[in-house]
């Protein structure tokens, strides 16, 4: 039985957790829209400026590259000062990134575009870190649901982003006398600013400070080395990171080249944005259910199911012609759903497995592995399509989805016969 003082502490933490989730969701909605609005236009703008698909893919891939480069710096800020300063810093950098990408659209100077998308990617890194902030105050049995609910909060903004960026946002550019593709980045910058102001004002008290996850500034250099050792010496850590990496590689690799694939089929930008939005529904909309499923059947089983969805989705996309937007959607939807299964389940394992002041750095390293591999996949996807075609890219991406399935089976067999 709990003492009266302990019950009061539990009630206080529960109320604080609800407020923290509401605040994080309020920030993630505009930030999610800002990210996908900027991302959906990047490959098309890059190709328009240079006339080369590879440079278009390179610009889009800078989103995940920027997220990868930002994970450790943002983790260092959070480990020293809390979640709020780290998330706000990421969003503010993204504001300037969106402005640079807008300048690229206006001046048709390509170099501004990848640099700008790198900055937007820092905002994406802040969004990824926020899912761990949702788990800081959650009791052990509720961490999966907390992460799933926060990932779901990205649905509204992330689904609206591509349709907004490649639809009404073009009129913003026209109204200001700028090119059509400057509009998505004007909107993106304003949305990131709104997200930064929301988190800065309302994420108080900081959840990481409340749970005592703040380390001393002087410990950071050696702590990252120790965090790396702890993460990759753990079988749970390796399984989680491997699942996140594979899901991100398949998702980023196929999605990066989808706008150009559909454009080759004669589809208007509005249709391209709509298909990407439907894909993002698969990524985010079902994450609360994924969180519940993770609690019911276990994170490892959900990781394996996610791998199977990646295989099926990528294979379906590989059989879709450029004119077949419906066929591309079904494949991308399943890829997005597989990504969601892997992200929520793997994040839950990491949040539960690692404790103490080093957990923020371990989480940052896991996200670094995921986003860096996604950046490489985005760049590589352009090269693969240039040398072969979209169907070949999708087919071989799908084969990677077998990795988490096989790894989970081997993990469970090792536990059974140990």
Protein backbone atom coordinates (compact mmCIF):
# COMPACT_ATOMS: atom_id res chain seq x y z
CA UNK A 1 0.00 0.00 0.00
CA UNK A 2 1.10 3.56 -0.71
CA UNK A 3 1.48 6.09 2.08
CA UNK A 4 -0.59 9.29 1.82
CA UNK A 5 2.49 11.35 0.89
CA UNK A 6 3.42 8.88 -1.84
CA UNK A 7 -0.12 9.01 -3.28
CA UNK A 8 0.10 12.82 -3.42
CA UNK A 9 3.42 12.58 -5.26
CA UNK A 10 1.89 10.12 -7.75
CA UNK A 11 -1.06 12.45 -8.38
CA UNK A 12 1.27 15.41 -8.78
CA UNK A 13 3.46 13.55 -11.27
CA UNK A 14 0.38 12.36 -13.20
CA UNK A 15 -0.91 15.93 -13.52
CA UNK A 16 2.51 17.16 -14.56
CA UNK A 17 2.80 14.37 -17.15
CA UNK A 18 -0.56 15.37 -18.69
CA UNK A 19 0.53 19.01 -18.89
CA UNK A 20 3.88 18.02 -20.37
CA UNK A 21 2.21 15.91 -23.07
CA UNK A 22 -0.23 18.72 -23.94
CA UNK A 23 2.61 21.21 -24.29
CA UNK A 24 4.77 18.89 -26.37
CA UNK A 25 1.82 18.14 -28.65
CA UNK A 26 1.10 21.86 -29.06
CA UNK A 27 4.67 22.35 -30.23
CA UNK A 28 4.89 19.26 -32.41
CA UNK A 29 1.82 20.08 -34.51
CA UNK A 30 3.22 23.29 -36.10
CA UNK A 31 6.76 21.89 -36.14
CA UNK A 32 5.60 18.72 -37.91
CA UNK A 33 3.81 20.79 -40.55
CA UNK A 34 6.91 22.95 -40.97
CA UNK A 35 9.17 19.93 -41.51
CA UNK A 36 7.03 18.13 -44.06
CA UNK A 37 6.13 21.34 -45.90
CA UNK A 38 9.83 22.07 -46.37
CA UNK A 39 10.72 18.46 -47.17
CA UNK A 40 7.99 17.89 -49.75
CA UNK A 41 9.23 20.79 -51.88
CA UNK A 42 12.98 20.18 -51.53
CA UNK A 43 13.54 17.52 -54.21
CA UNK A 44 11.32 19.31 -56.73
CA UNK A 45 12.97 22.70 -56.09
CA UNK A 46 16.46 21.19 -56.24
CA UNK A 47 15.70 19.58 -59.60
CA UNK A 48 14.15 22.78 -60.96
CA UNK A 49 17.23 24.83 -60.04
CA UNK A 50 19.83 22.36 -61.32
CA UNK A 51 17.94 20.22 -63.84
CA UNK A 52 19.35 17.12 -62.12
CA UNK A 53 17.42 14.50 -60.10
CA UNK A 54 20.46 13.60 -58.01
CA UNK A 55 20.84 17.18 -56.78
CA UNK A 56 17.12 17.24 -56.02
CA UNK A 57 17.46 14.09 -53.91
CA UNK A 58 20.58 15.51 -52.24
CA UNK A 59 18.66 18.60 -51.12
CA UNK A 60 15.84 16.49 -49.67
CA UNK A 61 18.32 14.13 -47.98
CA UNK A 62 19.79 17.08 -46.10
CA UNK A 63 16.72 16.96 -43.84
CA UNK A 64 17.80 13.68 -42.27
CA UNK A 65 21.45 14.74 -42.44
CA UNK A 66 20.64 17.88 -40.45
CA UNK A 67 18.75 15.79 -37.91
CA UNK A 68 21.73 13.44 -37.64
CA UNK A 69 24.24 16.25 -37.14
CA UNK A 70 22.05 17.86 -34.48
CA UNK A 71 21.30 14.84 -32.28
CA UNK A 72 24.45 14.91 -30.14
CA UNK A 73 24.60 18.74 -29.74
CA UNK A 74 20.92 18.82 -28.79
CA UNK A 75 21.43 15.87 -26.42
CA UNK A 76 24.34 17.70 -24.81
CA UNK A 77 22.19 20.79 -24.24
CA UNK A 78 19.40 18.66 -22.76
CA UNK A 79 21.74 16.65 -20.54
CA UNK A 80 23.18 19.88 -19.14
CA UNK A 81 20.12 22.15 -19.01
CA UNK A 82 16.93 20.15 -19.71
CA UNK A 83 14.57 19.22 -22.54
CA UNK A 84 13.13 22.71 -23.05
CA UNK A 85 16.36 24.54 -24.03
CA UNK A 86 17.34 21.73 -26.40
CA UNK A 87 14.00 21.56 -28.22
CA UNK A 88 13.73 25.36 -28.50
CA UNK A 89 17.27 25.60 -29.88
CA UNK A 90 16.42 23.05 -32.58
CA UNK A 91 13.31 24.96 -33.66
CA UNK A 92 15.10 28.33 -33.77
CA UNK A 93 17.86 26.93 -35.99
CA UNK A 94 15.12 25.52 -38.25
CA UNK A 95 13.58 28.99 -38.65
CA UNK A 96 16.81 30.26 -40.18
CA UNK A 97 17.09 27.11 -42.30
CA UNK A 98 13.65 27.70 -43.79
CA UNK A 99 14.60 31.30 -44.59
CA UNK A 100 17.74 30.11 -46.43
CA UNK A 101 15.70 27.63 -48.48
CA UNK A 102 13.28 30.44 -49.36
CA UNK A 103 16.22 32.52 -50.57
CA UNK A 104 17.29 29.57 -52.76
CA UNK A 105 13.84 29.53 -54.40
CA UNK A 106 13.96 33.29 -55.03
CA UNK A 107 17.57 33.55 -56.25
CA UNK A 108 17.84 30.09 -57.86
CA UNK A 109 21.21 29.67 -56.17
CA UNK A 110 21.29 25.97 -55.35
CA UNK A 111 23.80 26.05 -52.47
CA UNK A 112 21.32 27.91 -50.25
CA UNK A 113 18.84 25.03 -50.55
CA UNK A 114 20.81 22.12 -49.04
CA UNK A 115 22.20 24.41 -46.31
CA UNK A 116 18.68 25.59 -45.52
CA UNK A 117 17.28 22.04 -45.44
CA UNK A 118 20.11 21.07 -43.08
CA UNK A 119 18.78 23.75 -40.73
CA UNK A 120 15.23 22.43 -41.09
CA UNK A 121 16.66 19.01 -40.25
CA UNK A 122 17.81 20.38 -36.88
CA UNK A 123 14.13 21.08 -36.18
CA UNK A 124 13.41 17.48 -37.10
CA UNK A 125 16.07 16.38 -34.60
CA UNK A 126 14.28 18.41 -31.91
CA UNK A 127 10.98 16.73 -32.80
CA UNK A 128 12.57 13.29 -32.48
CA UNK A 129 14.03 14.17 -29.07
CA UNK A 130 10.61 15.29 -27.86
CA UNK A 131 9.30 11.70 -27.85
CA UNK A 132 11.75 10.86 -25.06
CA UNK A 133 10.60 13.94 -23.14
CA UNK A 134 7.11 12.40 -23.23
CA UNK A 135 8.48 9.29 -21.47
CA UNK A 136 10.52 11.09 -18.78
CA UNK A 137 7.66 11.35 -16.28
CA UNK A 138 5.64 8.34 -17.45
CA UNK A 139 5.49 5.24 -15.22
CA UNK A 140 7.15 2.15 -16.69
CA UNK A 141 3.89 0.53 -17.83
CA UNK A 142 2.81 3.72 -19.66
CA UNK A 143 5.99 4.70 -21.50
CA UNK A 144 4.93 3.02 -24.78
CA UNK A 145 1.56 4.81 -24.75
CA UNK A 146 3.18 8.16 -23.93
CA UNK A 147 5.61 7.82 -26.83
CA UNK A 148 2.88 6.56 -29.17
CA UNK A 149 0.55 9.44 -28.26
CA UNK A 150 3.26 12.01 -28.86
CA UNK A 151 4.23 10.50 -32.21
CA UNK A 152 0.52 10.65 -33.07
CA UNK A 153 0.48 14.37 -32.29
CA UNK A 154 2.80 14.86 -35.25
CA UNK A 155 0.06 13.49 -37.53
CA UNK A 156 -1.97 16.67 -37.83
CA UNK A 157 0.94 18.92 -38.74
CA UNK A 158 2.91 16.35 -40.70
CA UNK A 159 -0.07 15.33 -42.86
CA UNK A 160 -1.05 18.94 -43.53
CA UNK A 161 2.52 19.94 -44.35
CA UNK A 162 2.94 18.48 -47.87
CA UNK A 163 -0.57 19.46 -49.00
CA UNK A 164 -0.04 22.92 -47.52
CA UNK A 165 3.47 23.32 -48.91
CA UNK A 166 2.68 22.16 -52.45
CA UNK A 167 -0.83 23.66 -52.48
CA UNK A 168 -1.99 26.87 -50.74
CA UNK A 169 1.56 27.90 -49.76
CA UNK A 170 2.32 28.53 -53.43
CA UNK A 171 -0.21 31.37 -53.33
CA UNK A 172 1.76 32.95 -50.49
CA UNK A 173 4.74 33.14 -52.83
CA UNK A 174 2.57 34.63 -55.58
CA UNK A 175 1.13 37.21 -53.16
CA UNK A 176 4.64 38.31 -52.15
CA UNK A 177 5.88 38.31 -55.74
CA UNK A 178 8.13 35.28 -55.09
CA UNK A 179 8.34 31.95 -56.97
CA UNK A 180 5.74 29.26 -56.15
CA UNK A 181 8.26 27.08 -54.30
CA UNK A 182 9.31 29.93 -51.99
CA UNK A 183 5.87 29.66 -50.35
CA UNK A 184 6.47 26.36 -48.50
CA UNK A 185 9.55 27.82 -46.81
CA UNK A 186 7.85 31.05 -45.78
CA UNK A 187 5.13 28.98 -44.10
CA UNK A 188 7.73 26.59 -42.63
CA UNK A 189 9.69 29.41 -40.97
CA UNK A 190 6.57 30.88 -39.37
CA UNK A 191 5.43 27.49 -38.07
CA UNK A 192 8.83 26.71 -36.53
CA UNK A 193 8.76 30.09 -34.80
CA UNK A 194 5.33 29.30 -33.34
CA UNK A 195 6.57 25.91 -32.10
CA UNK A 196 9.65 27.47 -30.46
CA UNK A 197 7.58 30.08 -28.63
CA UNK A 198 5.09 27.43 -27.44
CA UNK A 199 7.73 25.14 -25.94
CA UNK A 200 9.71 28.02 -24.44
CA UNK A 201 6.69 29.43 -22.64
CA UNK A 202 4.80 26.33 -21.52
CA UNK A 203 7.22 23.42 -21.00
CA UNK A 204 7.68 24.30 -17.35
CA UNK A 205 8.78 22.63 -15.15
CA UNK A 206 11.15 20.80 -17.42
CA UNK A 207 10.36 17.04 -17.27
CA UNK A 208 14.00 16.00 -17.38
CA UNK A 209 14.85 18.33 -14.49
CA UNK A 210 11.96 16.90 -12.46
CA UNK A 211 13.20 13.30 -12.82
CA UNK A 212 16.79 14.28 -12.04
CA UNK A 213 18.25 13.52 -15.47
CA UNK A 214 20.51 16.58 -15.59
CA UNK A 215 24.26 15.93 -15.54
CA UNK A 216 27.20 18.18 -14.81
CA UNK A 217 28.63 20.12 -17.76
CA UNK A 218 32.11 18.79 -17.17
CA UNK A 219 30.98 15.17 -17.56
CA UNK A 220 29.79 15.45 -21.15
CA UNK A 221 32.87 14.37 -23.16
CA UNK A 222 33.52 11.12 -21.34
CA UNK A 223 29.79 10.45 -20.88
CA UNK A 224 29.16 10.14 -24.60
CA UNK A 225 31.89 7.51 -24.88
CA UNK A 226 30.41 5.62 -21.97
CA UNK A 227 26.92 5.99 -23.42
CA UNK A 228 28.12 4.54 -26.74
CA UNK A 229 29.63 1.55 -24.95
CA UNK A 230 26.48 0.94 -22.91
CA UNK A 231 24.18 1.25 -25.91
CA UNK A 232 25.99 -1.10 -28.26
CA UNK A 233 27.10 -3.61 -25.62
CA UNK A 234 23.42 -4.18 -24.80
CA UNK A 235 21.51 -6.73 -26.89
CA UNK A 236 18.34 -4.71 -26.37
CA UNK A 237 20.19 -1.57 -27.44
CA UNK A 238 21.50 -3.19 -30.63
CA UNK A 239 18.06 -4.58 -31.50
CA UNK A 240 16.39 -1.21 -30.95
CA UNK A 241 18.92 0.81 -32.90
CA UNK A 242 18.97 -1.75 -35.74
CA UNK A 243 15.19 -1.60 -36.05
CA UNK A 244 15.15 2.21 -36.06
CA UNK A 245 17.94 2.37 -38.64
CA UNK A 246 16.28 -0.08 -41.05
CA UNK A 247 12.88 1.61 -40.76
CA UNK A 248 14.39 5.02 -41.42
CA UNK A 249 16.51 3.82 -44.36
CA UNK A 250 13.54 2.21 -46.11
CA UNK A 251 11.20 5.11 -45.37
CA UNK A 252 13.59 7.92 -46.33
CA UNK A 253 15.06 6.14 -49.33
CA UNK A 254 11.70 5.43 -50.98
CA UNK A 255 9.91 8.63 -49.93
CA UNK A 256 12.75 10.91 -51.09
CA UNK A 257 12.34 9.84 -54.71
CA UNK A 258 8.54 9.48 -54.72
CA UNK A 259 7.78 13.16 -55.64
CA UNK A 260 10.04 12.94 -58.69
CA UNK A 261 8.63 9.51 -59.62
CA UNK A 262 5.07 10.88 -59.55
CA UNK A 263 6.11 14.05 -61.37
CA UNK A 264 7.54 11.87 -64.15
CA UNK A 265 4.08 10.31 -64.39
CA UNK A 266 2.53 13.70 -65.15
CA UNK A 267 0.94 14.29 -61.73
CA UNK A 268 0.39 17.85 -60.53
CA UNK A 269 2.21 19.08 -57.40
CA UNK A 270 -1.06 19.03 -55.46
CA UNK A 271 -1.43 15.29 -56.15
CA UNK A 272 2.18 14.70 -55.16
CA UNK A 273 1.60 16.53 -51.88
CA UNK A 274 -1.60 14.56 -51.26
CA UNK A 275 0.11 11.19 -51.77
CA UNK A 276 2.94 12.16 -49.41
CA UNK A 277 0.35 13.30 -46.85
CA UNK A 278 -1.38 9.92 -47.02
CA UNK A 279 1.99 8.22 -46.51
CA UNK A 280 2.56 10.33 -43.42
CA UNK A 281 -0.81 9.20 -42.05
CA UNK A 282 0.68 5.71 -42.05
CA UNK A 283 3.74 7.03 -40.20
CA UNK A 284 1.93 8.84 -37.39
CA UNK A 285 -1.85 8.36 -37.22
CA UNK A 286 -1.83 4.85 -35.72
CA UNK A 287 1.00 5.36 -33.25
CA UNK A 288 -1.29 5.41 -30.15
CA UNK A 289 -2.56 1.97 -31.21
CA UNK A 290 1.04 0.90 -31.80
CA UNK A 291 1.82 2.02 -28.25
CA UNK A 292 -1.07 -0.04 -26.85
CA UNK A 293 -0.05 -3.03 -28.98
CA UNK A 294 3.52 -2.70 -27.69
CA UNK A 295 2.24 -2.91 -24.11
CA UNK A 296 0.00 -5.89 -24.96
CA UNK A 297 2.32 -8.19 -26.98
CA UNK A 298 5.76 -6.73 -26.25
CA UNK A 299 8.11 -4.40 -28.08
CA UNK A 300 10.09 -7.17 -29.78
CA UNK A 301 7.01 -8.64 -31.46
CA UNK A 302 5.96 -5.18 -32.67
CA UNK A 303 9.45 -4.61 -34.11
CA UNK A 304 9.14 -7.85 -36.12
CA UNK A 305 5.68 -6.88 -37.40
CA UNK A 306 7.08 -3.50 -38.45
CA UNK A 307 9.77 -5.22 -40.49
CA UNK A 308 7.16 -7.29 -42.34
CA UNK A 309 5.17 -4.14 -43.16
CA UNK A 310 8.32 -2.52 -44.59
CA UNK A 311 8.90 -5.53 -46.85
CA UNK A 312 5.33 -5.61 -48.19
CA UNK A 313 5.07 -1.83 -48.62
CA UNK A 314 8.34 -1.42 -50.48
CA UNK A 315 7.56 -4.36 -52.76
CA UNK A 316 4.16 -2.87 -53.64
CA UNK A 317 5.79 0.48 -54.45
CA UNK A 318 8.32 -1.30 -56.65
CA UNK A 319 5.49 -2.55 -58.90
CA UNK A 320 3.80 0.88 -59.31
CA UNK A 321 4.27 2.81 -62.56
CA UNK A 322 4.80 6.61 -62.43
CA UNK A 323 1.21 7.16 -63.57
CA UNK A 324 -0.14 4.95 -60.76
CA UNK A 325 -0.47 7.28 -57.76
CA UNK A 326 -2.83 4.84 -55.99
CA UNK A 327 -0.29 2.00 -56.21
CA UNK A 328 2.48 4.22 -54.87
CA UNK A 329 0.23 5.33 -52.00
CA UNK A 330 -0.58 1.81 -50.82
CA UNK A 331 3.11 0.94 -50.72
CA UNK A 332 4.12 4.17 -49.00
CA UNK A 333 1.28 3.86 -46.50
CA UNK A 334 2.51 0.42 -45.41
CA UNK A 335 6.11 1.64 -45.27
CA UNK A 336 4.97 4.50 -43.03
CA UNK A 337 3.09 2.08 -40.79
CA UNK A 338 6.12 -0.23 -40.56
CA UNK A 339 8.27 2.77 -39.65
CA UNK A 340 5.80 3.67 -36.87
CA UNK A 341 5.88 0.12 -35.46
CA UNK A 342 9.66 0.14 -35.34
CA UNK A 343 10.04 3.66 -33.95
CA UNK A 344 7.52 3.38 -31.11
CA UNK A 345 8.58 -0.12 -30.02
CA UNK A 346 12.32 0.61 -30.25
CA UNK A 347 12.00 3.95 -28.44
CA UNK A 348 10.06 2.21 -25.67
CA UNK A 349 12.81 -0.40 -25.26
CA UNK A 350 15.49 2.30 -25.06
CA UNK A 351 13.48 4.44 -22.61
CA UNK A 352 12.91 1.41 -20.36
CA UNK A 353 16.34 -0.20 -20.64
CA UNK A 354 18.57 2.78 -19.80
CA UNK A 355 18.27 4.91 -16.67
CA UNK A 356 20.16 7.67 -14.91
CA UNK A 357 21.82 10.84 -16.15
CA UNK A 358 23.41 9.08 -19.14
CA UNK A 359 20.04 8.14 -20.67
CA UNK A 360 19.75 11.41 -22.63
CA UNK A 361 23.10 10.81 -24.30
CA UNK A 362 22.17 7.19 -25.07
CA UNK A 363 18.91 8.40 -26.63
CA UNK A 364 20.86 10.96 -28.65
CA UNK A 365 23.26 8.31 -29.94
CA UNK A 366 20.34 6.07 -30.97
CA UNK A 367 18.78 8.94 -32.90
CA UNK A 368 22.16 9.76 -34.44
CA UNK A 369 22.42 6.22 -35.82
CA UNK A 370 18.87 6.41 -37.17
CA UNK A 371 19.05 9.85 -38.76
CA UNK A 372 22.57 9.44 -40.14
CA UNK A 373 21.58 6.24 -41.90
CA UNK A 374 18.50 7.99 -43.23
CA UNK A 375 20.65 10.80 -44.60
CA UNK A 376 22.87 8.29 -46.40
CA UNK A 377 19.75 6.55 -47.73
CA UNK A 378 18.35 9.82 -49.05
CA UNK A 379 21.55 10.64 -50.93
CA UNK A 380 21.97 7.07 -52.15
CA UNK A 381 18.37 6.90 -53.39
CA UNK A 382 19.07 9.61 -55.95
CA UNK A 383 22.12 7.75 -57.23
CA UNK A 384 20.23 4.45 -57.41
CA UNK A 385 17.35 6.00 -59.39
CA UNK A 386 19.80 7.79 -61.71
CA UNK A 387 21.57 4.50 -62.46
CA UNK A 388 18.47 2.25 -62.44
CA UNK A 389 14.90 3.33 -61.61
CA UNK A 390 12.42 3.90 -58.78
CA UNK A 391 11.16 0.32 -58.91
CA UNK A 392 14.64 -1.09 -58.34
CA UNK A 393 15.19 1.29 -55.42
CA UNK A 394 11.94 0.20 -53.78
CA UNK A 395 12.55 -3.50 -54.31
CA UNK A 396 15.99 -3.59 -52.70
CA UNK A 397 14.89 -1.24 -49.92
CA UNK A 398 12.20 -3.74 -49.02
CA UNK A 399 14.71 -6.54 -48.59
CA UNK A 400 16.24 -4.55 -45.71
CA UNK A 401 12.94 -4.89 -43.86
CA UNK A 402 13.77 -8.54 -43.24
CA UNK A 403 16.59 -7.50 -40.87
CA UNK A 404 14.44 -6.65 -37.80
CA UNK A 405 12.31 -9.77 -38.39
CA UNK A 406 15.35 -12.07 -38.45
CA UNK A 407 17.03 -10.23 -35.55
CA UNK A 408 13.96 -10.55 -33.31
CA UNK A 409 13.67 -14.28 -34.08
CA UNK A 410 17.34 -14.82 -33.22
CA UNK A 411 16.95 -12.69 -30.07
CA UNK A 412 13.98 -14.74 -28.85
CA UNK A 413 15.71 -18.04 -29.66
CA UNK A 414 18.79 -16.94 -27.72
CA UNK A 415 16.62 -16.04 -24.71
CA UNK A 416 14.79 -19.39 -24.90
CA UNK A 417 17.90 -21.57 -25.01
CA UNK A 418 20.10 -19.48 -22.74
